[in-house]
PDB file of N, CA and C in Angstrom:
ATOM      1  N   UNK A   1      13.493  55.833  71.361  1.00  0.00           N
ATOM      2  CA  UNK A   1      12.458  55.222  70.552  1.00  0.00           C
ATOM      3  C   UNK A   1      13.023  54.869  69.174  1.00  0.00           C
ATOM      4  N   UNK A   2      12.571  53.773  68.626  1.00  0.00           N
ATOM      5  CA  UNK A   2      12.993  53.330  67.314  1.00  0.00           C
ATOM      6  C   UNK A   2      12.524  54.334  66.265  1.00  0.00           C
ATOM      7  N   UNK A   3      13.348  54.525  65.221  1.00  0.00           N
ATOM      8  CA  UNK A   3      12.943  55.433  64.145  1.00  0.00           C
ATOM      9  C   UNK A   3      11.671  54.926  63.494  1.00  0.00           C
ATOM     10  N   UNK A   4      10.860  55.843  63.081  1.00  0.00           N
ATOM     11  CA  UNK A   4       9.606  55.499  62.411  1.00  0.00           C
ATOM     12  C   UNK A   4       9.903  54.820  61.077  1.00  0.00           C
ATOM     13  N   UNK A   5       8.919  54.054  60.616  1.00  0.00           N
ATOM     14  CA  UNK A   5       9.055  53.304  59.376  1.00  0.00           C
ATOM     15  C   UNK A   5       9.448  54.210  58.207  1.00  0.00           C
ATOM     16  N   UNK A   6       8.741  55.323  58.035  1.00  0.00           N
ATOM     17  CA  UNK A   6       9.018  56.213  56.916  1.00  0.00           C
ATOM     18  C   UNK A   6      10.449  56.712  56.916  1.00  0.00           C
ATOM     19  N   UNK A   7      10.958  57.014  58.091  1.00  0.00           N
ATOM     20  CA  UNK A   7      12.337  57.480  58.217  1.00  0.00           C
ATOM     21  C   UNK A   7      13.308  56.369  57.828  1.00  0.00           C
ATOM     22  N   UNK A   8      13.007  55.143  58.251  1.00  0.00           N
ATOM     23  CA  UNK A   8      13.861  54.005  57.898  1.00  0.00           C
ATOM     24  C   UNK A   8      13.831  53.764  56.383  1.00  0.00           C
ATOM     25  N   UNK A   9      12.637  53.885  55.801  1.00  0.00           N
ATOM     26  CA  UNK A   9      12.485  53.707  54.361  1.00  0.00           C
ATOM     27  C   UNK A   9      13.297  54.772  53.613  1.00  0.00           C
ATOM     28  N   UNK A  10      13.183  56.013  54.076  1.00  0.00           N
ATOM     29  CA  UNK A  10      13.931  57.118  53.480  1.00  0.00           C
ATOM     30  C   UNK A  10      15.429  56.833  53.506  1.00  0.00           C
ATOM     31  N   UNK A  11      15.950  56.429  54.662  1.00  0.00           N
ATOM     32  CA  UNK A  11      17.389  56.185  54.790  1.00  0.00           C
ATOM     33  C   UNK A  11      17.839  54.999  53.931  1.00  0.00           C
ATOM     34  N   UNK A  12      17.005  53.981  53.812  1.00  0.00           N
ATOM     35  CA  UNK A  12      17.344  52.845  52.945  1.00  0.00           C
ATOM     36  C   UNK A  12      17.431  53.314  51.491  1.00  0.00           C
ATOM     37  N   UNK A  13      16.505  54.176  51.089  1.00  0.00           N
ATOM     38  CA  UNK A  13      16.512  54.692  49.717  1.00  0.00           C
ATOM     39  C   UNK A  13      17.747  55.555  49.463  1.00  0.00           C
ATOM     40  N   UNK A  14      18.073  56.409  50.418  1.00  0.00           N
ATOM     41  CA  UNK A  14      19.232  57.303  50.277  1.00  0.00           C
ATOM     42  C   UNK A  14      20.529  56.491  50.221  1.00  0.00           C
ATOM     43  N   UNK A  15      20.650  55.457  51.079  1.00  0.00           N
ATOM     44  CA  UNK A  15      21.860  54.618  51.069  1.00  0.00           C
ATOM     45  C   UNK A  15      22.080  53.987  49.692  1.00  0.00           C
ATOM     46  N   UNK A  16      20.990  53.712  48.991  1.00  0.00           N
ATOM     47  CA  UNK A  16      21.095  53.102  47.672  1.00  0.00           C
ATOM     48  C   UNK A  16      21.139  54.142  46.554  1.00  0.00           C
ATOM     49  N   UNK A  17      21.138  55.400  46.936  1.00  0.00           N
ATOM     50  CA  UNK A  17      21.225  56.523  46.000  1.00  0.00           C
ATOM     51  C   UNK A  17      20.129  56.454  44.934  1.00  0.00           C
ATOM     52  N   UNK A  18      18.903  56.202  45.413  1.00  0.00           N
ATOM     53  CA  UNK A  18      17.756  56.135  44.528  1.00  0.00           C
ATOM     54  C   UNK A  18      16.858  57.340  44.760  1.00  0.00           C
ATOM     55  N   UNK A  19      16.262  57.829  43.701  1.00  0.00           N
ATOM     56  CA  UNK A  19      15.300  58.916  43.796  1.00  0.00           C
ATOM     57  C   UNK A  19      13.930  58.363  44.166  1.00  0.00           C
ATOM     58  N   UNK A  20      13.115  59.208  44.813  1.00  0.00           N
ATOM     59  CA  UNK A  20      11.750  58.792  45.127  1.00  0.00           C
ATOM     60  C   UNK A  20      11.017  58.338  43.866  1.00  0.00           C
ATOM     61  N   UNK A  21      11.187  59.097  42.796  1.00  0.00           N
ATOM     62  CA  UNK A  21      10.496  58.761  41.545  1.00  0.00           C
ATOM     63  C   UNK A  21      10.905  57.383  41.032  1.00  0.00           C
ATOM     64  N   UNK A  22      12.197  57.048  41.160  1.00  0.00           N
ATOM     65  CA  UNK A  22      12.672  55.744  40.701  1.00  0.00           C
ATOM     66  C   UNK A  22      12.006  54.615  41.498  1.00  0.00           C
ATOM     67  N   UNK A  23      12.012  54.762  42.819  1.00  0.00           N
ATOM     68  CA  UNK A  23      11.447  53.731  43.689  1.00  0.00           C
ATOM     69  C   UNK A  23       9.943  53.638  43.478  1.00  0.00           C
ATOM     70  N   UNK A  24       9.290  54.776  43.420  1.00  0.00           N
ATOM     71  CA  UNK A  24       7.834  54.795  43.232  1.00  0.00           C
ATOM     72  C   UNK A  24       7.452  54.121  41.916  1.00  0.00           C
ATOM     73  N   UNK A  25       8.142  54.460  40.848  1.00  0.00           N
ATOM     74  CA  UNK A  25       7.847  53.872  39.543  1.00  0.00           C
ATOM     75  C   UNK A  25       8.055  52.361  39.580  1.00  0.00           C
ATOM     76  N   UNK A  26       9.151  51.934  40.152  1.00  0.00           N
ATOM     77  CA  UNK A  26       9.456  50.504  40.238  1.00  0.00           C
ATOM     78  C   UNK A  26       8.430  49.754  41.085  1.00  0.00           C
ATOM     79  N   UNK A  27       7.922  50.416  42.140  1.00  0.00           N
ATOM     80  CA  UNK A  27       6.954  49.791  43.043  1.00  0.00           C
ATOM     81  C   UNK A  27       5.516  49.947  42.568  1.00  0.00           C
ATOM     82  N   UNK A  28       5.302  50.775  41.551  1.00  0.00           N
ATOM     83  CA  UNK A  28       3.954  50.979  41.037  1.00  0.00           C
ATOM     84  C   UNK A  28       3.092  51.864  41.913  1.00  0.00           C
ATOM     85  N   UNK A  29       3.728  52.847  42.570  1.00  0.00           N
ATOM     86  CA  UNK A  29       2.986  53.804  43.396  1.00  0.00           C
ATOM     87  C   UNK A  29       3.342  55.215  42.941  1.00  0.00           C
ATOM     88  N   UNK A  30       2.553  56.172  43.359  1.00  0.00           N
ATOM     89  CA  UNK A  30       2.811  57.566  43.038  1.00  0.00           C
ATOM     90  C   UNK A  30       3.949  58.083  43.916  1.00  0.00           C
ATOM     91  N   UNK A  31       4.803  58.921  43.357  1.00  0.00           N
ATOM     92  CA  UNK A  31       5.926  59.478  44.111  1.00  0.00           C
ATOM     93  C   UNK A  31       5.443  60.303  45.305  1.00  0.00           C
ATOM     94  N   UNK A  32       4.302  60.981  45.169  1.00  0.00           N
ATOM     95  CA  UNK A  32       3.782  61.774  46.294  1.00  0.00           C
ATOM     96  C   UNK A  32       3.334  60.869  47.446  1.00  0.00           C
ATOM     97  N   UNK A  33       2.852  59.676  47.118  1.00  0.00           N
ATOM     98  CA  UNK A  33       2.470  58.698  48.144  1.00  0.00           C
ATOM     99  C   UNK A  33       3.719  58.232  48.894  1.00  0.00           C
ATOM    100  N   UNK A  34       4.781  57.922  48.159  1.00  0.00           N
ATOM    101  CA  UNK A  34       6.034  57.512  48.791  1.00  0.00           C
ATOM    102  C   UNK A  34       6.580  58.642  49.666  1.00  0.00           C
ATOM    103  N   UNK A  35       6.513  59.874  49.176  1.00  0.00           N
ATOM    104  CA  UNK A  35       6.984  61.020  49.963  1.00  0.00           C
ATOM    105  C   UNK A  35       6.183  61.153  51.254  1.00  0.00           C
ATOM    106  N   UNK A  36       4.872  60.958  51.167  1.00  0.00           N
ATOM    107  CA  UNK A  36       4.023  61.065  52.358  1.00  0.00           C
ATOM    108  C   UNK A  36       4.379  59.975  53.381  1.00  0.00           C
ATOM    109  N   UNK A  37       4.704  58.785  52.923  1.00  0.00           N
ATOM    110  CA  UNK A  37       5.118  57.713  53.836  1.00  0.00           C
ATOM    111  C   UNK A  37       6.442  58.087  54.499  1.00  0.00           C
ATOM    112  N   UNK A  38       7.411  58.501  53.673  1.00  0.00           N
ATOM    113  CA  UNK A  38       8.735  58.838  54.205  1.00  0.00           C
ATOM    114  C   UNK A  38       8.680  59.981  55.215  1.00  0.00           C
ATOM    115  N   UNK A  39       7.754  60.914  55.031  1.00  0.00           N
ATOM    116  CA  UNK A  39       7.655  62.058  55.937  1.00  0.00           C
ATOM    117  C   UNK A  39       6.686  61.807  57.097  1.00  0.00           C
ATOM    118  N   UNK A  40       6.144  60.591  57.191  1.00  0.00           N
ATOM    119  CA  UNK A  40       5.273  60.247  58.304  1.00  0.00           C
ATOM    120  C   UNK A  40       3.861  60.801  58.202  1.00  0.00           C
ATOM    121  N   UNK A  41       3.481  61.254  57.020  1.00  0.00           N
ATOM    122  CA  UNK A  41       2.122  61.768  56.835  1.00  0.00           C
ATOM    123  C   UNK A  41       1.136  60.656  56.491  1.00  0.00           C
ATOM    124  N   UNK A  42       1.652  59.493  56.141  1.00  0.00           N
ATOM    125  CA  UNK A  42       0.829  58.322  55.839  1.00  0.00           C
ATOM    126  C   UNK A  42       1.374  57.147  56.641  1.00  0.00           C
ATOM    127  N   UNK A  43       0.480  56.262  57.019  1.00  0.00           N
ATOM    128  CA  UNK A  43       0.906  55.033  57.688  1.00  0.00           C
ATOM    129  C   UNK A  43       1.681  54.161  56.711  1.00  0.00           C
ATOM    130  N   UNK A  44       2.472  53.248  57.228  1.00  0.00           N
ATOM    131  CA  UNK A  44       3.128  52.297  56.324  1.00  0.00           C
ATOM    132  C   UNK A  44       2.076  51.571  55.483  1.00  0.00           C
ATOM    133  N   UNK A  45       2.426  51.251  54.253  1.00  0.00           N
ATOM    134  CA  UNK A  45       1.454  50.591  53.380  1.00  0.00           C
ATOM    135  C   UNK A  45       1.163  49.169  53.843  1.00  0.00           C
ATOM    136  N   UNK A  46       0.071  48.644  53.349  1.00  0.00           N
ATOM    137  CA  UNK A  46      -0.270  47.258  53.633  1.00  0.00           C
ATOM    138  C   UNK A  46       0.696  46.349  52.880  1.00  0.00           C
ATOM    139  N   UNK A  47       0.582  45.066  53.168  1.00  0.00           N
ATOM    140  CA  UNK A  47       1.590  44.086  52.775  1.00  0.00           C
ATOM    141  C   UNK A  47       1.984  44.102  51.297  1.00  0.00           C
ATOM    142  N   UNK A  48       1.029  44.100  50.386  1.00  0.00           N
ATOM    143  CA  UNK A  48       1.366  44.008  48.957  1.00  0.00           C
ATOM    144  C   UNK A  48       2.209  45.194  48.505  1.00  0.00           C
ATOM    145  N   UNK A  49       1.789  46.405  48.866  1.00  0.00           N
ATOM    146  CA  UNK A  49       2.536  47.606  48.468  1.00  0.00           C
ATOM    147  C   UNK A  49       3.865  47.662  49.218  1.00  0.00           C
ATOM    148  N   UNK A  50       3.859  47.277  50.474  1.00  0.00           N
ATOM    149  CA  UNK A  50       5.093  47.258  51.261  1.00  0.00           C
ATOM    150  C   UNK A  50       6.139  46.384  50.574  1.00  0.00           C
ATOM    151  N   UNK A  51       5.749  45.196  50.155  1.00  0.00           N
ATOM    152  CA  UNK A  51       6.697  44.282  49.508  1.00  0.00           C
ATOM    153  C   UNK A  51       7.199  44.832  48.176  1.00  0.00           C
ATOM    154  N   UNK A  52       6.328  45.510  47.450  1.00  0.00           N
ATOM    155  CA  UNK A  52       6.773  46.118  46.191  1.00  0.00           C
ATOM    156  C   UNK A  52       7.803  47.227  46.457  1.00  0.00           C
ATOM    157  N   UNK A  53       7.570  48.019  47.506  1.00  0.00           N
ATOM    158  CA  UNK A  53       8.536  49.075  47.860  1.00  0.00           C
ATOM    159  C   UNK A  53       9.868  48.471  48.285  1.00  0.00           C
ATOM    160  N   UNK A  54       9.814  47.450  49.125  1.00  0.00           N
ATOM    161  CA  UNK A  54      11.052  46.830  49.612  1.00  0.00           C
ATOM    162  C   UNK A  54      11.805  46.162  48.470  1.00  0.00           C
ATOM    163  N   UNK A  55      11.078  45.551  47.544  1.00  0.00           N
ATOM    164  CA  UNK A  55      11.731  44.947  46.374  1.00  0.00           C
ATOM    165  C   UNK A  55      12.367  46.022  45.493  1.00  0.00           C
ATOM    166  N   UNK A  56      11.683  47.157  45.349  1.00  0.00           N
ATOM    167  CA  UNK A  56      12.214  48.251  44.529  1.00  0.00           C
ATOM    168  C   UNK A  56      13.514  48.791  45.106  1.00  0.00           C
ATOM    169  N   UNK A  57      13.668  48.693  46.418  1.00  0.00           N
ATOM    170  CA  UNK A  57      14.889  49.169  47.072  1.00  0.00           C
ATOM    171  C   UNK A  57      16.008  48.130  47.033  1.00  0.00           C
ATOM    172  N   UNK A  58      15.674  46.914  46.603  1.00  0.00           N
ATOM    173  CA  UNK A  58      16.654  45.829  46.514  1.00  0.00           C
ATOM    174  C   UNK A  58      17.353  45.602  47.863  1.00  0.00           C
ATOM    175  N   UNK A  59      16.540  45.444  48.895  1.00  0.00           N
ATOM    176  CA  UNK A  59      17.050  45.246  50.252  1.00  0.00           C
ATOM    177  C   UNK A  59      17.447  43.797  50.484  1.00  0.00           C
ATOM    178  N   UNK A  60      18.353  43.602  51.420  1.00  0.00           N
ATOM    179  CA  UNK A  60      18.704  42.245  51.845  1.00  0.00           C
ATOM    180  C   UNK A  60      17.528  41.670  52.628  1.00  0.00           C
ATOM    181  N   UNK A  61      17.537  40.376  52.838  1.00  0.00           N
ATOM    182  CA  UNK A  61      16.464  39.726  53.601  1.00  0.00           C
ATOM    183  C   UNK A  61      16.382  40.307  55.009  1.00  0.00           C
ATOM    184  N   UNK A  62      17.513  40.554  55.633  1.00  0.00           N
ATOM    185  CA  UNK A  62      17.525  41.113  56.997  1.00  0.00           C
ATOM    186  C   UNK A  62      16.953  42.529  57.009  1.00  0.00           C
ATOM    187  N   UNK A  63      17.319  43.330  56.009  1.00  0.00           N
ATOM    188  CA  UNK A  63      16.800  44.697  55.935  1.00  0.00           C
ATOM    189  C   UNK A  63      15.292  44.689  55.700  1.00  0.00           C
ATOM    190  N   UNK A  64      14.828  43.763  54.852  1.00  0.00           N
ATOM    191  CA  UNK A  64      13.389  43.648  54.605  1.00  0.00           C
ATOM    192  C   UNK A  64      12.653  43.301  55.882  1.00  0.00           C
ATOM    193  N   UNK A  65      13.174  42.329  56.643  1.00  0.00           N
ATOM    194  CA  UNK A  65      12.526  41.932  57.903  1.00  0.00           C
ATOM    195  C   UNK A  65      12.452  43.104  58.869  1.00  0.00           C
ATOM    196  N   UNK A  66      13.524  43.874  58.945  1.00  0.00           N
ATOM    197  CA  UNK A  66      13.549  45.032  59.849  1.00  0.00           C
ATOM    198  C   UNK A  66      12.487  46.060  59.461  1.00  0.00           C
ATOM    199  N   UNK A  67      12.385  46.349  58.184  1.00  0.00           N
ATOM    200  CA  UNK A  67      11.392  47.320  57.733  1.00  0.00           C
ATOM    201  C   UNK A  67       9.977  46.765  57.836  1.00  0.00           C
ATOM    202  N   UNK A  68       9.792  45.483  57.567  1.00  0.00           N
ATOM    203  CA  UNK A  68       8.475  44.868  57.727  1.00  0.00           C
ATOM    204  C   UNK A  68       8.026  44.957  59.181  1.00  0.00           C
ATOM    205  N   UNK A  69       8.953  44.686  60.085  1.00  0.00           N
ATOM    206  CA  UNK A  69       8.651  44.767  61.517  1.00  0.00           C
ATOM    207  C   UNK A  69       8.291  46.196  61.919  1.00  0.00           C
ATOM    208  N   UNK A  70       9.063  47.156  61.441  1.00  0.00           N
ATOM    209  CA  UNK A  70       8.790  48.565  61.755  1.00  0.00           C
ATOM    210  C   UNK A  70       7.423  48.978  61.222  1.00  0.00           C
ATOM    211  N   UNK A  71       7.089  48.535  60.003  1.00  0.00           N
ATOM    212  CA  UNK A  71       5.787  48.870  59.407  1.00  0.00           C
ATOM    213  C   UNK A  71       4.660  48.270  60.238  1.00  0.00           C
ATOM    214  N   UNK A  72       4.807  47.003  60.612  1.00  0.00           N
ATOM    215  CA  UNK A  72       3.780  46.330  61.405  1.00  0.00           C
ATOM    216  C   UNK A  72       3.585  47.034  62.744  1.00  0.00           C
ATOM    217  N   UNK A  73       4.681  47.335  63.426  1.00  0.00           N
ATOM    218  CA  UNK A  73       4.580  47.956  64.751  1.00  0.00           C
ATOM    219  C   UNK A  73       3.946  49.345  64.650  1.00  0.00           C
ATOM    220  N   UNK A  74       4.271  50.089  63.624  1.00  0.00           N
ATOM    221  CA  UNK A  74       3.691  51.429  63.482  1.00  0.00           C
ATOM    222  C   UNK A  74       2.194  51.342  63.183  1.00  0.00           C
ATOM    223  N   UNK A  75       1.804  50.395  62.333  1.00  0.00           N
ATOM    224  CA  UNK A  75       0.379  50.241  62.020  1.00  0.00           C
ATOM    225  C   UNK A  75      -0.396  49.793  63.257  1.00  0.00           C
ATOM    226  N   UNK A  76       0.157  48.849  64.014  1.00  0.00           N
ATOM    227  CA  UNK A  76      -0.553  48.333  65.189  1.00  0.00           C
ATOM    228  C   UNK A  76      -0.648  49.412  66.260  1.00  0.00           C
ATOM    229  N   UNK A  77       0.414  50.183  66.429  1.00  0.00           N
ATOM    230  CA  UNK A  77       0.394  51.261  67.415  1.00  0.00           C
ATOM    231  C   UNK A  77      -0.646  52.309  67.029  1.00  0.00           C
ATOM    232  N   UNK A  78      -0.716  52.651  65.756  1.00  0.00           N
ATOM    233  CA  UNK A  78      -1.715  53.613  65.300  1.00  0.00           C
ATOM    234  C   UNK A  78      -3.126  53.097  65.580  1.00  0.00           C
ATOM    235  N   UNK A  79      -3.363  51.832  65.305  1.00  0.00           N
ATOM    236  CA  UNK A  79      -4.673  51.233  65.574  1.00  0.00           C
ATOM    237  C   UNK A  79      -4.998  51.307  67.065  1.00  0.00           C
ATOM    238  N   UNK A  80      -4.027  50.971  67.908  1.00  0.00           N
ATOM    239  CA  UNK A  80      -4.263  50.988  69.351  1.00  0.00           C
ATOM    240  C   UNK A  80      -4.541  52.406  69.856  1.00  0.00           C
ATOM    241  N   UNK A  81      -3.844  53.380  69.301  1.00  0.00           N
ATOM    242  CA  UNK A  81      -4.073  54.769  69.710  1.00  0.00           C
ATOM    243  C   UNK A  81      -5.501  55.182  69.372  1.00  0.00           C
ATOM    244  N   UNK A  82      -5.969  54.795  68.190  1.00  0.00           N
ATOM    245  CA  UNK A  82      -7.338  55.120  67.801  1.00  0.00           C
ATOM    246  C   UNK A  82      -8.356  54.385  68.666  1.00  0.00           C
ATOM    247  N   UNK A  83      -8.028  53.148  69.046  1.00  0.00           N
ATOM    248  CA  UNK A  83      -8.963  52.320  69.816  1.00  0.00           C
ATOM    249  C   UNK A  83      -8.913  52.613  71.313  1.00  0.00           C
ATOM    250  N   UNK A  84      -7.884  53.309  71.756  1.00  0.00           N
ATOM    251  CA  UNK A  84      -7.631  53.493  73.186  1.00  0.00           C
ATOM    252  C   UNK A  84      -8.857  53.902  74.010  1.00  0.00           C
ATOM    253  N   UNK A  85      -9.661  54.869  73.567  1.00  0.00           N
ATOM    254  CA  UNK A  85     -10.800  55.257  74.411  1.00  0.00           C
ATOM    255  C   UNK A  85     -11.813  54.126  74.638  1.00  0.00           C
ATOM    256  N   UNK A  86     -11.841  53.159  73.743  1.00  0.00           N
ATOM    257  CA  UNK A  86     -12.859  52.114  73.804  1.00  0.00           C
ATOM    258  C   UNK A  86     -12.325  50.730  74.179  1.00  0.00           C
ATOM    259  N   UNK A  87     -11.015  50.579  74.284  1.00  0.00           N
ATOM    260  CA  UNK A  87     -10.426  49.266  74.540  1.00  0.00           C
ATOM    261  C   UNK A  87      -9.675  49.290  75.863  1.00  0.00           C
ATOM    262  N   UNK A  88     -10.161  48.484  76.791  1.00  0.00           N
ATOM    263  CA  UNK A  88      -9.506  48.392  78.101  1.00  0.00           C
ATOM    264  C   UNK A  88      -8.089  47.838  77.915  1.00  0.00           C
ATOM    265  N   UNK A  89      -7.119  48.508  78.489  1.00  0.00           N
ATOM    266  CA  UNK A  89      -5.735  48.061  78.412  1.00  0.00           C
ATOM    267  C   UNK A  89      -4.991  48.540  77.176  1.00  0.00           C
ATOM    268  N   UNK A  90      -5.642  49.329  76.321  1.00  0.00           N
ATOM    269  CA  UNK A  90      -4.985  49.776  75.088  1.00  0.00           C
ATOM    270  C   UNK A  90      -3.736  50.607  75.384  1.00  0.00           C
ATOM    271  N   UNK A  91      -3.768  51.437  76.404  1.00  0.00           N
ATOM    272  CA  UNK A  91      -2.585  52.261  76.701  1.00  0.00           C
ATOM    273  C   UNK A  91      -1.399  51.379  77.116  1.00  0.00           C
ATOM    274  N   UNK A  92      -1.671  50.303  77.810  1.00  0.00           N
ATOM    275  CA  UNK A  92      -0.615  49.358  78.183  1.00  0.00           C
ATOM    276  C   UNK A  92      -0.063  48.680  76.935  1.00  0.00           C
ATOM    277  N   UNK A  93      -0.946  48.300  76.025  1.00  0.00           N
ATOM    278  CA  UNK A  93      -0.509  47.663  74.784  1.00  0.00           C
ATOM    279  C   UNK A  93       0.312  48.620  73.927  1.00  0.00           C
ATOM    280  N   UNK A  94      -0.029  49.899  73.938  1.00  0.00           N
ATOM    281  CA  UNK A  94       0.744  50.900  73.197  1.00  0.00           C
ATOM    282  C   UNK A  94       2.164  50.969  73.746  1.00  0.00           C
ATOM    283  N   UNK A  95       2.271  51.015  75.064  1.00  0.00           N
ATOM    284  CA  UNK A  95       3.610  51.055  75.691  1.00  0.00           C
ATOM    285  C   UNK A  95       4.389  49.786  75.377  1.00  0.00           C
ATOM    286  N   UNK A  96       3.705  48.645  75.401  1.00  0.00           N
ATOM    287  CA  UNK A  96       4.357  47.374  75.094  1.00  0.00           C
ATOM    288  C   UNK A  96       4.832  47.354  73.638  1.00  0.00           C
ATOM    289  N   UNK A  97       3.987  47.808  72.712  1.00  0.00           N
ATOM    290  CA  UNK A  97       4.360  47.850  71.295  1.00  0.00           C
ATOM    291  C   UNK A  97       5.579  48.742  71.081  1.00  0.00           C
ATOM    292  N   UNK A  98       5.661  49.834  71.826  1.00  0.00           N
ATOM    293  CA  UNK A  98       6.808  50.727  71.720  1.00  0.00           C
ATOM    294  C   UNK A  98       8.075  50.063  72.247  1.00  0.00           C
ATOM    295  N   UNK A  99       7.935  49.244  73.290  1.00  0.00           N
ATOM    296  CA  UNK A  99       9.096  48.614  73.927  1.00  0.00           C
ATOM    297  C   UNK A  99       9.575  47.356  73.204  1.00  0.00           C
ATOM    298  N   UNK A 100       8.698  46.677  72.481  1.00  0.00           N
ATOM    299  CA  UNK A 100       9.048  45.390  71.874  1.00  0.00           C
ATOM    300  C   UNK A 100      10.353  45.387  71.085  1.00  0.00           C
ATOM    301  N   UNK A 101      10.603  46.362  70.233  1.00  0.00           N
ATOM    302  CA  UNK A 101      11.849  46.311  69.451  1.00  0.00           C
ATOM    303  C   UNK A 101      13.120  46.379  70.299  1.00  0.00           C
ATOM    304  N   UNK A 102      13.011  46.853  71.530  1.00  0.00           N
ATOM    305  CA  UNK A 102      14.189  46.993  72.385  1.00  0.00           C
ATOM    306  C   UNK A 102      14.385  45.819  73.349  1.00  0.00           C
ATOM    307  N   UNK A 103      13.458  44.868  73.361  1.00  0.00           N
ATOM    308  CA  UNK A 103      13.573  43.745  74.292  1.00  0.00           C
ATOM    309  C   UNK A 103      14.663  42.783  73.837  1.00  0.00           C
ATOM    310  N   UNK A 104      15.405  42.258  74.829  1.00  0.00           N
ATOM    311  CA  UNK A 104      16.393  41.242  74.490  1.00  0.00           C
ATOM    312  C   UNK A 104      15.721  39.864  74.495  1.00  0.00           C
ATOM    313  N   UNK A 105      16.459  38.830  74.128  1.00  0.00           N
ATOM    314  CA  UNK A 105      15.878  37.488  74.007  1.00  0.00           C
ATOM    315  C   UNK A 105      15.291  36.985  75.323  1.00  0.00           C
ATOM    316  N   UNK A 106      15.957  37.272  76.432  1.00  0.00           N
ATOM    317  CA  UNK A 106      15.465  36.826  77.745  1.00  0.00           C
ATOM    318  C   UNK A 106      14.138  37.516  78.075  1.00  0.00           C
ATOM    319  N   UNK A 107      14.044  38.803  77.784  1.00  0.00           N
ATOM    320  CA  UNK A 107      12.815  39.543  78.058  1.00  0.00           C
ATOM    321  C   UNK A 107      11.669  39.080  77.155  1.00  0.00           C
ATOM    322  N   UNK A 108      11.981  38.793  75.902  1.00  0.00           N
ATOM    323  CA  UNK A 108      10.955  38.282  74.984  1.00  0.00           C
ATOM    324  C   UNK A 108      10.450  36.925  75.475  1.00  0.00           C
ATOM    325  N   UNK A 109      11.370  36.077  75.909  1.00  0.00           N
ATOM    326  CA  UNK A 109      10.990  34.764  76.426  1.00  0.00           C
ATOM    327  C   UNK A 109      10.097  34.898  77.659  1.00  0.00           C
ATOM    328  N   UNK A 110      10.437  35.813  78.560  1.00  0.00           N
ATOM    329  CA  UNK A 110       9.619  36.041  79.760  1.00  0.00           C
ATOM    330  C   UNK A 110       8.233  36.556  79.373  1.00  0.00           C
ATOM    331  N   UNK A 111       8.166  37.434  78.389  1.00  0.00           N
ATOM    332  CA  UNK A 111       6.880  37.956  77.915  1.00  0.00           C
ATOM    333  C   UNK A 111       6.049  36.838  77.294  1.00  0.00           C
ATOM    334  N   UNK A 112       6.689  35.973  76.500  1.00  0.00           N
ATOM    335  CA  UNK A 112       5.981  34.835  75.910  1.00  0.00           C
ATOM    336  C   UNK A 112       5.425  33.914  77.001  1.00  0.00           C
ATOM    337  N   UNK A 113       6.227  33.664  78.049  1.00  0.00           N
ATOM    338  CA  UNK A 113       5.769  32.825  79.158  1.00  0.00           C
ATOM    339  C   UNK A 113       4.557  33.455  79.847  1.00  0.00           C
ATOM    340  N   UNK A 114       4.614  34.765  80.050  1.00  0.00           N
ATOM    341  CA  UNK A 114       3.502  35.474  80.678  1.00  0.00           C
ATOM    342  C   UNK A 114       2.242  35.370  79.825  1.00  0.00           C
ATOM    343  N   UNK A 115       2.383  35.573  78.518  1.00  0.00           N
ATOM    344  CA  UNK A 115       1.225  35.478  77.628  1.00  0.00           C
ATOM    345  C   UNK A 115       0.667  34.061  77.586  1.00  0.00           C
ATOM    346  N   UNK A 116       1.542  33.054  77.606  1.00  0.00           N
ATOM    347  CA  UNK A 116       1.085  31.661  77.651  1.00  0.00           C
ATOM    348  C   UNK A 116       0.299  31.397  78.935  1.00  0.00           C
ATOM    349  N   UNK A 117       0.815  31.900  80.060  1.00  0.00           N
ATOM    350  CA  UNK A 117       0.133  31.711  81.342  1.00  0.00           C
ATOM    351  C   UNK A 117      -1.228  32.409  81.335  1.00  0.00           C
ATOM    352  N   UNK A 118      -1.287  33.603  80.762  1.00  0.00           N
ATOM    353  CA  UNK A 118      -2.555  34.322  80.687  1.00  0.00           C
ATOM    354  C   UNK A 118      -3.546  33.569  79.798  1.00  0.00           C
ATOM    355  N   UNK A 119      -3.053  33.009  78.710  1.00  0.00           N
ATOM    356  CA  UNK A 119      -3.909  32.236  77.812  1.00  0.00           C
ATOM    357  C   UNK A 119      -4.442  30.999  78.512  1.00  0.00           C
ATOM    358  N   UNK A 120      -3.565  30.308  79.246  1.00  0.00           N
ATOM    359  CA  UNK A 120      -3.993  29.127  80.000  1.00  0.00           C
ATOM    360  C   UNK A 120      -5.039  29.501  81.041  1.00  0.00           C
ATOM    361  N   UNK A 121      -4.847  30.636  81.721  1.00  0.00           N
ATOM    362  CA  UNK A 121      -5.795  31.098  82.733  1.00  0.00           C
ATOM    363  C   UNK A 121      -7.143  31.408  82.093  1.00  0.00           C
ATOM    364  N   UNK A 122      -7.108  32.039  80.916  1.00  0.00           N
ATOM    365  CA  UNK A 122      -8.341  32.364  80.196  1.00  0.00           C
ATOM    366  C   UNK A 122      -9.078  31.087  79.803  1.00  0.00           C
ATOM    367  N   UNK A 123      -8.350  30.076  79.343  1.00  0.00           N
ATOM    368  CA  UNK A 123      -8.964  28.809  78.974  1.00  0.00           C
ATOM    369  C   UNK A 123      -9.626  28.155  80.180  1.00  0.00           C
ATOM    370  N   UNK A 124      -8.960  28.239  81.339  1.00  0.00           N
ATOM    371  CA  UNK A 124      -9.527  27.664  82.558  1.00  0.00           C
ATOM    372  C   UNK A 124     -10.813  28.364  82.957  1.00  0.00           C
ATOM    373  N   UNK A 125     -10.846  29.690  82.855  1.00  0.00           N
ATOM    374  CA  UNK A 125     -12.044  30.432  83.264  1.00  0.00           C
ATOM    375  C   UNK A 125     -13.194  30.184  82.300  1.00  0.00           C
ATOM    376  N   UNK A 126     -12.903  29.926  81.027  1.00  0.00           N
ATOM    377  CA  UNK A 126     -13.953  29.622  80.050  1.00  0.00           C
ATOM    378  C   UNK A 126     -14.533  28.260  80.321  1.00  0.00           C
ATOM    379  N   UNK A 127     -13.699  27.295  80.694  1.00  0.00           N
ATOM    380  CA  UNK A 127     -14.142  25.930  80.930  1.00  0.00           C
ATOM    381  C   UNK A 127     -14.993  25.796  82.192  1.00  0.00           C
ATOM    382  N   UNK A 128     -14.803  26.706  83.129  1.00  0.00           N
ATOM    383  CA  UNK A 128     -15.537  26.622  84.407  1.00  0.00           C
ATOM    384  C   UNK A 128     -16.970  27.011  84.314  1.00  0.00           C
TER     385      UNK A 128
END
């Protein structure tokens, strides 16, 4: 399984030899909030705070994309876990969300084709 967002954030901060307090101050958040994210006690922040944290770490564009993706996947997985009792297919979506980061280009393309076909089928059933 891919490392959690907080763990990735922690390692990015350590690689840059920055203290939590330095990053938190630069991002305009409390150091205890950053610590809670890094330790997995809080979900990844929403977009505005996420971007401030990533900017405070002075990450490359590729590193930012990787962390943004990890944050998005963790937030969506958390939402699906909470919704699972009430949403048909949520457990399948959770497994898919977990697998997405490991898919190669061919598998992603096949998944996109499947989703397109399902969308087309849904449109046909609505029109009937």
